[in-house]
Amino acid sequence: MNYQGAMMATMTPRREALKLYRDIFRLTRRFTHKNERGDMWRDVLRDSARSDFERCRAETDPEAIARLLVMGRDFMNQIFEKLTAAQHHKDLPSTPPPPVYIT
């Protein structure tokens, strides 16, 4: 297990959720283009993440919380990979990427 994996294993669910939320916000900085309605994708994704986190805020079952965190991290990793591939193929305008730490 690497250092980040060991660190994630010792985090409380609350801290892990907060880290995931911050990582999602960091990743959305890279979405500088607009959707078909003229809204910035960055804002659309942030609003969606915020509403998802708020909807699950009252969850108390440890297994459900763990499952939500794993699904959230998995989804974020998939989006990161698709964004990286699209920028590699120059489908999206390239901007200097901020540091994104995906664990």
PDB file of N, CA and C in Angstrom:
ATOM      1  N   MET A   1       0.854  -1.173   0.000  1.00  0.00           N
ATOM      2  CA  MET A   1       0.000   0.000   0.000  1.00  0.00           C
ATOM      3  C   MET A   1       0.903   1.240   0.000  1.00  0.00           C
ATOM      4  N   ASN A   2       0.599   2.201  -0.868  1.00  0.00           N
ATOM      5  CA  ASN A   2       1.410   3.412  -0.932  1.00  0.00           C
ATOM      6  C   ASN A   2       1.008   4.378   0.182  1.00  0.00           C
ATOM      7  N   TYR A   3       1.717   5.499   0.258  1.00  0.00           N
ATOM      8  CA  TYR A   3       1.472   6.472   1.335  1.00  0.00           C
ATOM      9  C   TYR A   3       0.052   7.014   1.290  1.00  0.00           C
ATOM     10  N   GLN A   4      -0.425   7.397   0.088  1.00  0.00           N
ATOM     11  CA  GLN A   4      -1.775   7.947  -0.008  1.00  0.00           C
ATOM     12  C   GLN A   4      -2.818   6.904   0.349  1.00  0.00           C
ATOM     13  N   GLY A   5      -2.587   5.671  -0.055  1.00  0.00           N
ATOM     14  CA  GLY A   5      -3.516   4.600   0.295  1.00  0.00           C
ATOM     15  C   GLY A   5      -3.569   4.378   1.792  1.00  0.00           C
ATOM     16  N   ALA A   6      -2.412   4.426   2.442  1.00  0.00           N
ATOM     17  CA  ALA A   6      -2.366   4.268   3.893  1.00  0.00           C
ATOM     18  C   ALA A   6      -3.050   5.442   4.579  1.00  0.00           C
ATOM     19  N   MET A   7      -2.846   6.646   4.033  1.00  0.00           N
ATOM     20  CA  MET A   7      -3.470   7.830   4.615  1.00  0.00           C
ATOM     21  C   MET A   7      -4.993   7.751   4.497  1.00  0.00           C
ATOM     22  N   MET A   8      -5.503   7.311   3.342  1.00  0.00           N
ATOM     23  CA  MET A   8      -6.942   7.206   3.134  1.00  0.00           C
ATOM     24  C   MET A   8      -7.541   6.146   4.056  1.00  0.00           C
ATOM     25  N   ALA A   9      -6.779   5.088   4.345  1.00  0.00           N
ATOM     26  CA  ALA A   9      -7.286   4.016   5.191  1.00  0.00           C
ATOM     27  C   ALA A   9      -7.474   4.482   6.630  1.00  0.00           C
ATOM     28  N   THR A  10      -6.714   5.493   7.067  1.00  0.00           N
ATOM     29  CA  THR A  10      -6.821   5.959   8.443  1.00  0.00           C
ATOM     30  C   THR A  10      -7.717   7.181   8.589  1.00  0.00           C
ATOM     31  N   MET A  11      -8.238   7.717   7.492  1.00  0.00           N
ATOM     32  CA  MET A  11      -9.107   8.890   7.565  1.00  0.00           C
ATOM     33  C   MET A  11     -10.491   8.528   8.078  1.00  0.00           C
ATOM     34  N   THR A  12     -11.087   9.471   8.761  1.00  0.00           N
ATOM     35  CA  THR A  12     -12.475   9.287   9.147  1.00  0.00           C
ATOM     36  C   THR A  12     -13.339   9.513   7.916  1.00  0.00           C
ATOM     37  N   PRO A  13     -14.542   8.955   7.888  1.00  0.00           N
ATOM     38  CA  PRO A  13     -15.414   9.165   6.732  1.00  0.00           C
ATOM     39  C   PRO A  13     -15.684  10.654   6.462  1.00  0.00           C
ATOM     40  N   ARG A  14     -15.801  11.447   7.509  1.00  0.00           N
ATOM     41  CA  ARG A  14     -16.047  12.878   7.326  1.00  0.00           C
ATOM     42  C   ARG A  14     -14.878  13.556   6.621  1.00  0.00           C
ATOM     43  N   ARG A  15     -13.665  13.245   7.056  1.00  0.00           N
ATOM     44  CA  ARG A  15     -12.475  13.838   6.430  1.00  0.00           C
ATOM     45  C   ARG A  15     -12.307  13.336   5.007  1.00  0.00           C
ATOM     46  N   GLU A  16     -12.589  12.070   4.791  1.00  0.00           N
ATOM     47  CA  GLU A  16     -12.481  11.507   3.453  1.00  0.00           C
ATOM     48  C   GLU A  16     -13.501  12.155   2.510  1.00  0.00           C
ATOM     49  N   ALA A  17     -14.717  12.392   3.004  1.00  0.00           N
ATOM     50  CA  ALA A  17     -15.740  13.055   2.194  1.00  0.00           C
ATOM     51  C   ALA A  17     -15.327  14.481   1.865  1.00  0.00           C
ATOM     52  N   LEU A  18     -14.772  15.173   2.831  1.00  0.00           N
ATOM     53  CA  LEU A  18     -14.318  16.542   2.600  1.00  0.00           C
ATOM     54  C   LEU A  18     -13.174  16.565   1.584  1.00  0.00           C
ATOM     55  N   LYS A  19     -12.274  15.618   1.673  1.00  0.00           N
ATOM     56  CA  LYS A  19     -11.173  15.534   0.707  1.00  0.00           C
ATOM     57  C   LYS A  19     -11.712  15.263  -0.693  1.00  0.00           C
ATOM     58  N   LEU A  20     -12.665  14.362  -0.816  1.00  0.00           N
ATOM     59  CA  LEU A  20     -13.272  14.065  -2.110  1.00  0.00           C
ATOM     60  C   LEU A  20     -13.950  15.309  -2.677  1.00  0.00           C
ATOM     61  N   TYR A  21     -14.683  16.022  -1.837  1.00  0.00           N
ATOM     62  CA  TYR A  21     -15.381  17.240  -2.259  1.00  0.00           C
ATOM     63  C   TYR A  21     -14.382  18.272  -2.780  1.00  0.00           C
ATOM     64  N   ARG A  22     -13.299  18.464  -2.067  1.00  0.00           N
ATOM     65  CA  ARG A  22     -12.263  19.423  -2.503  1.00  0.00           C
ATOM     66  C   ARG A  22     -11.587  18.957  -3.790  1.00  0.00           C
ATOM     67  N   ASP A  23     -11.330  17.668  -3.908  1.00  0.00           N
ATOM     68  CA  ASP A  23     -10.720  17.138  -5.132  1.00  0.00           C
ATOM     69  C   ASP A  23     -11.632  17.346  -6.340  1.00  0.00           C
ATOM     70  N   ILE A  24     -12.938  17.167  -6.131  1.00  0.00           N
ATOM     71  CA  ILE A  24     -13.892  17.397  -7.211  1.00  0.00           C
ATOM     72  C   ILE A  24     -13.847  18.861  -7.635  1.00  0.00           C
ATOM     73  N   PHE A  25     -13.824  19.773  -6.677  1.00  0.00           N
ATOM     74  CA  PHE A  25     -13.762  21.197  -7.011  1.00  0.00           C
ATOM     75  C   PHE A  25     -12.464  21.528  -7.736  1.00  0.00           C
ATOM     76  N   ARG A  26     -11.362  20.927  -7.348  1.00  0.00           N
ATOM     77  CA  ARG A  26     -10.102  21.163  -8.048  1.00  0.00           C
ATOM     78  C   ARG A  26     -10.180  20.654  -9.490  1.00  0.00           C
ATOM     79  N   LEU A  27     -10.763  19.490  -9.664  1.00  0.00           N
ATOM     80  CA  LEU A  27     -10.885  18.913 -11.003  1.00  0.00           C
ATOM     81  C   LEU A  27     -11.779  19.776 -11.894  1.00  0.00           C
ATOM     82  N   THR A  28     -12.832  20.345 -11.343  1.00  0.00           N
ATOM     83  CA  THR A  28     -13.760  21.128 -12.169  1.00  0.00           C
ATOM     84  C   THR A  28     -13.127  22.412 -12.689  1.00  0.00           C
ATOM     85  N   ARG A  29     -12.023  22.845 -12.122  1.00  0.00           N
ATOM     86  CA  ARG A  29     -11.327  24.031 -12.655  1.00  0.00           C
ATOM     87  C   ARG A  29     -10.915  23.830 -14.104  1.00  0.00           C
ATOM     88  N   ARG A  30     -10.737  22.600 -14.485  1.00  0.00           N
ATOM     89  CA  ARG A  30     -10.268  22.295 -15.838  1.00  0.00           C
ATOM     90  C   ARG A  30     -11.384  22.367 -16.882  1.00  0.00           C
ATOM     91  N   PHE A  31     -12.634  22.469 -16.442  1.00  0.00           N
ATOM     92  CA  PHE A  31     -13.766  22.538 -17.366  1.00  0.00           C
ATOM     93  C   PHE A  31     -14.070  24.008 -17.655  1.00  0.00           C
ATOM     94  N   THR A  32     -13.415  24.537 -18.666  1.00  0.00           N
ATOM     95  CA  THR A  32     -13.527  25.962 -18.973  1.00  0.00           C
ATOM     96  C   THR A  32     -14.470  26.237 -20.141  1.00  0.00           C
ATOM     97  N   HIS A  33     -15.117  25.234 -20.666  1.00  0.00           N
ATOM     98  CA  HIS A  33     -16.011  25.413 -21.805  1.00  0.00           C
ATOM     99  C   HIS A  33     -17.467  25.451 -21.335  1.00  0.00           C
ATOM    100  N   LYS A  34     -18.342  25.865 -22.236  1.00  0.00           N
ATOM    101  CA  LYS A  34     -19.761  26.021 -21.904  1.00  0.00           C
ATOM    102  C   LYS A  34     -20.577  24.884 -22.514  1.00  0.00           C
ATOM    103  N   ASN A  35     -21.722  24.607 -21.863  1.00  0.00           N
ATOM    104  CA  ASN A  35     -22.629  23.603 -22.403  1.00  0.00           C
ATOM    105  C   ASN A  35     -23.547  24.254 -23.442  1.00  0.00           C
ATOM    106  N   GLU A  36     -24.505  23.491 -23.936  1.00  0.00           N
ATOM    107  CA  GLU A  36     -25.380  23.987 -24.993  1.00  0.00           C
ATOM    108  C   GLU A  36     -26.275  25.149 -24.557  1.00  0.00           C
ATOM    109  N   ARG A  37     -26.470  25.311 -23.244  1.00  0.00           N
ATOM    110  CA  ARG A  37     -27.288  26.429 -22.741  1.00  0.00           C
ATOM    111  C   ARG A  37     -26.447  27.649 -22.397  1.00  0.00           C
ATOM    112  N   GLY A  38     -25.145  27.544 -22.567  1.00  0.00           N
ATOM    113  CA  GLY A  38     -24.264  28.663 -22.281  1.00  0.00           C
ATOM    114  C   GLY A  38     -23.742  28.701 -20.852  1.00  0.00           C
ATOM    115  N   ASP A  39     -24.053  27.670 -20.065  1.00  0.00           N
ATOM    116  CA  ASP A  39     -23.560  27.587 -18.687  1.00  0.00           C
ATOM    117  C   ASP A  39     -22.166  26.966 -18.688  1.00  0.00           C
ATOM    118  N   MET A  40     -21.298  27.472 -17.834  1.00  0.00           N
ATOM    119  CA  MET A  40     -19.969  26.889 -17.712  1.00  0.00           C
ATOM    120  C   MET A  40     -20.094  25.481 -17.129  1.00  0.00           C
ATOM    121  N   TRP A  41     -19.434  24.517 -17.769  1.00  0.00           N
ATOM    122  CA  TRP A  41     -19.488  23.145 -17.265  1.00  0.00           C
ATOM    123  C   TRP A  41     -18.944  23.068 -15.848  1.00  0.00           C
ATOM    124  N   ARG A  42     -17.951  23.881 -15.550  1.00  0.00           N
ATOM    125  CA  ARG A  42     -17.379  23.923 -14.201  1.00  0.00           C
ATOM    126  C   ARG A  42     -18.483  24.176 -13.176  1.00  0.00           C
ATOM    127  N   ASP A  43     -19.334  25.163 -13.447  1.00  0.00           N
ATOM    128  CA  ASP A  43     -20.402  25.515 -12.509  1.00  0.00           C
ATOM    129  C   ASP A  43     -21.470  24.433 -12.427  1.00  0.00           C
ATOM    130  N   VAL A  44     -21.793  23.839 -13.573  1.00  0.00           N
ATOM    131  CA  VAL A  44     -22.796  22.767 -13.597  1.00  0.00           C
ATOM    132  C   VAL A  44     -22.313  21.581 -12.761  1.00  0.00           C
ATOM    133  N   LEU A  45     -21.054  21.196 -12.949  1.00  0.00           N
ATOM    134  CA  LEU A  45     -20.508  20.059 -12.200  1.00  0.00           C
ATOM    135  C   LEU A  45     -20.401  20.358 -10.709  1.00  0.00           C
ATOM    136  N   ARG A  46     -20.013  21.571 -10.368  1.00  0.00           N
ATOM    137  CA  ARG A  46     -19.920  21.948  -8.953  1.00  0.00           C
ATOM    138  C   ARG A  46     -21.287  21.943  -8.289  1.00  0.00           C
ATOM    139  N   ASP A  47     -22.294  22.477  -8.984  1.00  0.00           N
ATOM    140  CA  ASP A  47     -23.647  22.475  -8.423  1.00  0.00           C
ATOM    141  C   ASP A  47     -24.153  21.053  -8.219  1.00  0.00           C
ATOM    142  N   SER A  48     -23.845  20.186  -9.181  1.00  0.00           N
ATOM    143  CA  SER A  48     -24.258  18.789  -9.073  1.00  0.00           C
ATOM    144  C   SER A  48     -23.567  18.107  -7.893  1.00  0.00           C
ATOM    145  N   ALA A  49     -22.265  18.328  -7.752  1.00  0.00           N
ATOM    146  CA  ALA A  49     -21.524  17.734  -6.632  1.00  0.00           C
ATOM    147  C   ALA A  49     -22.056  18.244  -5.303  1.00  0.00           C
ATOM    148  N   ARG A  50     -22.288  19.545  -5.227  1.00  0.00           N
ATOM    149  CA  ARG A  50     -22.796  20.129  -3.985  1.00  0.00           C
ATOM    150  C   ARG A  50     -24.151  19.524  -3.608  1.00  0.00           C
ATOM    151  N   SER A  51     -25.049  19.405  -4.577  1.00  0.00           N
ATOM    152  CA  SER A  51     -26.366  18.850  -4.264  1.00  0.00           C
ATOM    153  C   SER A  51     -26.271  17.376  -3.879  1.00  0.00           C
ATOM    154  N   ASP A  52     -25.373  16.615  -4.526  1.00  0.00           N
ATOM    155  CA  ASP A  52     -25.190  15.202  -4.159  1.00  0.00           C
ATOM    156  C   ASP A  52     -24.657  15.066  -2.737  1.00  0.00           C
ATOM    157  N   PHE A  53     -23.679  15.883  -2.390  1.00  0.00           N
ATOM    158  CA  PHE A  53     -23.122  15.823  -1.032  1.00  0.00           C
ATOM    159  C   PHE A  53     -24.169  16.249  -0.001  1.00  0.00           C
ATOM    160  N   GLU A  54     -24.931  17.276  -0.311  1.00  0.00           N
ATOM    161  CA  GLU A  54     -25.974  17.725   0.622  1.00  0.00           C
ATOM    162  C   GLU A  54     -27.047  16.651   0.793  1.00  0.00           C
ATOM    163  N   ARG A  55     -27.415  15.982  -0.298  1.00  0.00           N
ATOM    164  CA  ARG A  55     -28.452  14.949  -0.240  1.00  0.00           C
ATOM    165  C   ARG A  55     -28.002  13.776   0.638  1.00  0.00           C
ATOM    166  N   CYS A  56     -26.716  13.474   0.636  1.00  0.00           N
ATOM    167  CA  CYS A  56     -26.197  12.321   1.385  1.00  0.00           C
ATOM    168  C   CYS A  56     -25.637  12.701   2.752  1.00  0.00           C
ATOM    169  N   ARG A  57     -25.736  13.948   3.106  1.00  0.00           N
ATOM    170  CA  ARG A  57     -25.140  14.450   4.350  1.00  0.00           C
ATOM    171  C   ARG A  57     -25.654  13.741   5.606  1.00  0.00           C
ATOM    172  N   ALA A  58     -26.910  13.372   5.624  1.00  0.00           N
ATOM    173  CA  ALA A  58     -27.516  12.786   6.818  1.00  0.00           C
ATOM    174  C   ALA A  58     -27.310  11.273   6.915  1.00  0.00           C
ATOM    175  N   GLU A  59     -26.626  10.685   5.960  1.00  0.00           N
ATOM    176  CA  GLU A  59     -26.401   9.236   5.974  1.00  0.00           C
ATOM    177  C   GLU A  59     -25.567   8.853   7.200  1.00  0.00           C
ATOM    178  N   THR A  60     -26.010   7.826   7.917  1.00  0.00           N
ATOM    179  CA  THR A  60     -25.307   7.397   9.125  1.00  0.00           C
ATOM    180  C   THR A  60     -24.769   5.967   9.041  1.00  0.00           C
ATOM    181  N   ASP A  61     -25.243   5.183   8.082  1.00  0.00           N
ATOM    182  CA  ASP A  61     -24.806   3.806   7.937  1.00  0.00           C
ATOM    183  C   ASP A  61     -23.364   3.780   7.407  1.00  0.00           C
ATOM    184  N   PRO A  62     -22.409   3.229   8.176  1.00  0.00           N
ATOM    185  CA  PRO A  62     -21.007   3.226   7.749  1.00  0.00           C
ATOM    186  C   PRO A  62     -20.772   2.536   6.401  1.00  0.00           C
ATOM    187  N   GLU A  63     -21.510   1.457   6.137  1.00  0.00           N
ATOM    188  CA  GLU A  63     -21.345   0.761   4.858  1.00  0.00           C
ATOM    189  C   GLU A  63     -21.846   1.619   3.703  1.00  0.00           C
ATOM    190  N   ALA A  64     -22.960   2.298   3.898  1.00  0.00           N
ATOM    191  CA  ALA A  64     -23.503   3.171   2.855  1.00  0.00           C
ATOM    192  C   ALA A  64     -22.569   4.349   2.608  1.00  0.00           C
ATOM    193  N   ILE A  65     -22.005   4.902   3.670  1.00  0.00           N
ATOM    194  CA  ILE A  65     -21.061   6.020   3.531  1.00  0.00           C
ATOM    195  C   ILE A  65     -19.826   5.571   2.760  1.00  0.00           C
ATOM    196  N   ALA A  66     -19.295   4.411   3.112  1.00  0.00           N
ATOM    197  CA  ALA A  66     -18.116   3.882   2.420  1.00  0.00           C
ATOM    198  C   ALA A  66     -18.425   3.657   0.945  1.00  0.00           C
ATOM    199  N   ARG A  67     -19.590   3.105   0.660  1.00  0.00           N
ATOM    200  CA  ARG A  67     -19.990   2.857  -0.728  1.00  0.00           C
ATOM    201  C   ARG A  67     -20.109   4.176  -1.507  1.00  0.00           C
ATOM    202  N   LEU A  68     -20.707   5.195  -0.889  1.00  0.00           N
ATOM    203  CA  LEU A  68     -20.844   6.498  -1.541  1.00  0.00           C
ATOM    204  C   LEU A  68     -19.476   7.123  -1.824  1.00  0.00           C
ATOM    205  N   LEU A  69     -18.563   7.003  -0.868  1.00  0.00           N
ATOM    206  CA  LEU A  69     -17.221   7.559  -1.061  1.00  0.00           C
ATOM    207  C   LEU A  69     -16.469   6.845  -2.183  1.00  0.00           C
ATOM    208  N   VAL A  70     -16.585   5.528  -2.230  1.00  0.00           N
ATOM    209  CA  VAL A  70     -15.919   4.765  -3.287  1.00  0.00           C
ATOM    210  C   VAL A  70     -16.521   5.121  -4.646  1.00  0.00           C
ATOM    211  N   MET A  71     -17.838   5.220  -4.726  1.00  0.00           N
ATOM    212  CA  MET A  71     -18.488   5.579  -5.986  1.00  0.00           C
ATOM    213  C   MET A  71     -18.092   6.994  -6.414  1.00  0.00           C
ATOM    214  N   GLY A  72     -18.030   7.919  -5.477  1.00  0.00           N
ATOM    215  CA  GLY A  72     -17.643   9.291  -5.796  1.00  0.00           C
ATOM    216  C   GLY A  72     -16.218   9.370  -6.302  1.00  0.00           C
ATOM    217  N   ARG A  73     -15.307   8.674  -5.639  1.00  0.00           N
ATOM    218  CA  ARG A  73     -13.904   8.674  -6.059  1.00  0.00           C
ATOM    219  C   ARG A  73     -13.758   8.011  -7.426  1.00  0.00           C
ATOM    220  N   ASP A  74     -14.491   6.924  -7.631  1.00  0.00           N
ATOM    221  CA  ASP A  74     -14.459   6.210  -8.909  1.00  0.00           C
ATOM    222  C   ASP A  74     -14.963   7.107 -10.046  1.00  0.00           C
ATOM    223  N   PHE A  75     -16.072   7.782  -9.800  1.00  0.00           N
ATOM    224  CA  PHE A  75     -16.640   8.676 -10.804  1.00  0.00           C
ATOM    225  C   PHE A  75     -15.659   9.802 -11.132  1.00  0.00           C
ATOM    226  N   MET A  76     -15.042  10.372 -10.108  1.00  0.00           N
ATOM    227  CA  MET A  76     -14.095  11.457 -10.330  1.00  0.00           C
ATOM    228  C   MET A  76     -12.897  10.965 -11.146  1.00  0.00           C
ATOM    229  N   ASN A  77     -12.405   9.778 -10.856  1.00  0.00           N
ATOM    230  CA  ASN A  77     -11.282   9.224 -11.619  1.00  0.00           C
ATOM    231  C   ASN A  77     -11.665   9.004 -13.087  1.00  0.00           C
ATOM    232  N   GLN A  78     -12.889   8.537 -13.346  1.00  0.00           N
ATOM    233  CA  GLN A  78     -13.346   8.339 -14.722  1.00  0.00           C
ATOM    234  C   GLN A  78     -13.420   9.670 -15.468  1.00  0.00           C
ATOM    235  N   ILE A  79     -13.943  10.695 -14.817  1.00  0.00           N
ATOM    236  CA  ILE A  79     -14.033  12.015 -15.442  1.00  0.00           C
ATOM    237  C   ILE A  79     -12.632  12.545 -15.737  1.00  0.00           C
ATOM    238  N   PHE A  80     -11.719  12.379 -14.791  1.00  0.00           N
ATOM    239  CA  PHE A  80     -10.337  12.828 -14.991  1.00  0.00           C
ATOM    240  C   PHE A  80      -9.714  12.144 -16.200  1.00  0.00           C
ATOM    241  N   GLU A  81      -9.898  10.836 -16.319  1.00  0.00           N
ATOM    242  CA  GLU A  81      -9.330  10.094 -17.446  1.00  0.00           C
ATOM    243  C   GLU A  81      -9.931  10.549 -18.768  1.00  0.00           C
ATOM    244  N   LYS A  82     -11.238  10.775 -18.812  1.00  0.00           N
ATOM    245  CA  LYS A  82     -11.891  11.228 -20.047  1.00  0.00           C
ATOM    246  C   LYS A  82     -11.437  12.631 -20.416  1.00  0.00           C
ATOM    247  N   LEU A  83     -11.308  13.491 -19.444  1.00  0.00           N
ATOM    248  CA  LEU A  83     -10.858  14.860 -19.703  1.00  0.00           C
ATOM    249  C   LEU A  83      -9.429  14.855 -20.227  1.00  0.00           C
ATOM    250  N   THR A  84      -8.580  14.056 -19.617  1.00  0.00           N
ATOM    251  CA  THR A  84      -7.191  13.969 -20.049  1.00  0.00           C
ATOM    252  C   THR A  84      -7.108  13.430 -21.474  1.00  0.00           C
ATOM    253  N   ALA A  85      -7.890  12.408 -21.780  1.00  0.00           N
ATOM    254  CA  ALA A  85      -7.890  11.839 -23.131  1.00  0.00           C
ATOM    255  C   ALA A  85      -8.407  12.856 -24.142  1.00  0.00           C
ATOM    256  N   ALA A  86      -9.458  13.582 -23.799  1.00  0.00           N
ATOM    257  CA  ALA A  86     -10.015  14.577 -24.712  1.00  0.00           C
ATOM    258  C   ALA A  86      -9.028  15.709 -24.961  1.00  0.00           C
ATOM    259  N   GLN A  87      -8.333  16.149 -23.928  1.00  0.00           N
ATOM    260  CA  GLN A  87      -7.348  17.205 -24.107  1.00  0.00           C
ATOM    261  C   GLN A  87      -6.150  16.699 -24.899  1.00  0.00           C
ATOM    262  N   HIS A  88      -5.844  15.439 -24.729  1.00  0.00           N
ATOM    263  CA  HIS A  88      -4.746  14.849 -25.487  1.00  0.00           C
ATOM    264  C   HIS A  88      -5.070  14.848 -26.984  1.00  0.00           C
ATOM    265  N   HIS A  89      -6.338  14.598 -27.296  1.00  0.00           N
ATOM    266  CA  HIS A  89      -6.782  14.592 -28.693  1.00  0.00           C
ATOM    267  C   HIS A  89      -7.197  15.981 -29.167  1.00  0.00           C
ATOM    268  N   LYS A  90      -7.013  16.982 -28.307  1.00  0.00           N
ATOM    269  CA  LYS A  90      -7.309  18.373 -28.616  1.00  0.00           C
ATOM    270  C   LYS A  90      -8.776  18.604 -28.953  1.00  0.00           C
ATOM    271  N   ASP A  91      -9.675  17.818 -28.341  1.00  0.00           N
ATOM    272  CA  ASP A  91     -11.104  18.040 -28.503  1.00  0.00           C
ATOM    273  C   ASP A  91     -11.566  19.232 -27.675  1.00  0.00           C
ATOM    274  N   LEU A  92     -10.847  19.517 -26.589  1.00  0.00           N
ATOM    275  CA  LEU A  92     -11.207  20.615 -25.698  1.00  0.00           C
ATOM    276  C   LEU A  92     -10.059  21.612 -25.667  1.00  0.00           C
ATOM    277  N   PRO A  93     -10.376  22.883 -25.424  1.00  0.00           N
ATOM    278  CA  PRO A  93      -9.281  23.847 -25.300  1.00  0.00           C
ATOM    279  C   PRO A  93      -8.412  23.490 -24.099  1.00  0.00           C
ATOM    280  N   SER A  94      -7.117  23.581 -24.287  1.00  0.00           N
ATOM    281  CA  SER A  94      -6.198  23.213 -23.224  1.00  0.00           C
ATOM    282  C   SER A  94      -5.865  24.437 -22.379  1.00  0.00           C
ATOM    283  N   THR A  95      -5.923  24.279 -21.089  1.00  0.00           N
ATOM    284  CA  THR A  95      -5.528  25.325 -20.158  1.00  0.00           C
ATOM    285  C   THR A  95      -4.485  24.734 -19.240  1.00  0.00           C
ATOM    286  N   PRO A  96      -3.656  25.556 -18.653  1.00  0.00           N
ATOM    287  CA  PRO A  96      -2.685  25.005 -17.713  1.00  0.00           C
ATOM    288  C   PRO A  96      -3.414  24.315 -16.568  1.00  0.00           C
ATOM    289  N   PRO A  97      -3.220  23.017 -16.395  1.00  0.00           N
ATOM    290  CA  PRO A  97      -3.978  22.298 -15.381  1.00  0.00           C
ATOM    291  C   PRO A  97      -3.491  22.616 -13.965  1.00  0.00           C
ATOM    292  N   PRO A  98      -4.443  22.796 -13.058  1.00  0.00           N
ATOM    293  CA  PRO A  98      -4.044  22.928 -11.665  1.00  0.00           C
ATOM    294  C   PRO A  98      -3.667  21.550 -11.138  1.00  0.00           C
ATOM    295  N   PRO A  99      -2.935  21.475 -10.054  1.00  0.00           N
ATOM    296  CA  PRO A  99      -2.592  20.158  -9.525  1.00  0.00           C
ATOM    297  C   PRO A  99      -3.828  19.437  -9.036  1.00  0.00           C
ATOM    298  N   VAL A 100      -3.991  18.191  -9.464  1.00  0.00           N
ATOM    299  CA  VAL A 100      -5.109  17.341  -9.048  1.00  0.00           C
ATOM    300  C   VAL A 100      -4.501  16.093  -8.443  1.00  0.00           C
ATOM    301  N   TYR A 101      -4.848  15.826  -7.214  1.00  0.00           N
ATOM    302  CA  TYR A 101      -4.319  14.659  -6.522  1.00  0.00           C
ATOM    303  C   TYR A 101      -5.403  13.607  -6.444  1.00  0.00           C
ATOM    304  N   ILE A 102      -5.273  12.586  -7.243  1.00  0.00           N
ATOM    305  CA  ILE A 102      -6.260  11.520  -7.266  1.00  0.00           C
ATOM    306  C   ILE A 102      -5.673  10.314  -6.571  1.00  0.00           C
ATOM    307  N   THR A 103      -6.417   9.844  -5.595  1.00  0.00           N
ATOM    308  CA  THR A 103      -5.917   8.710  -4.823  1.00  0.00           C
ATOM    309  C   THR A 103      -6.758   7.496  -5.099  1.00  0.00           C
TER     310      THR A 103
END
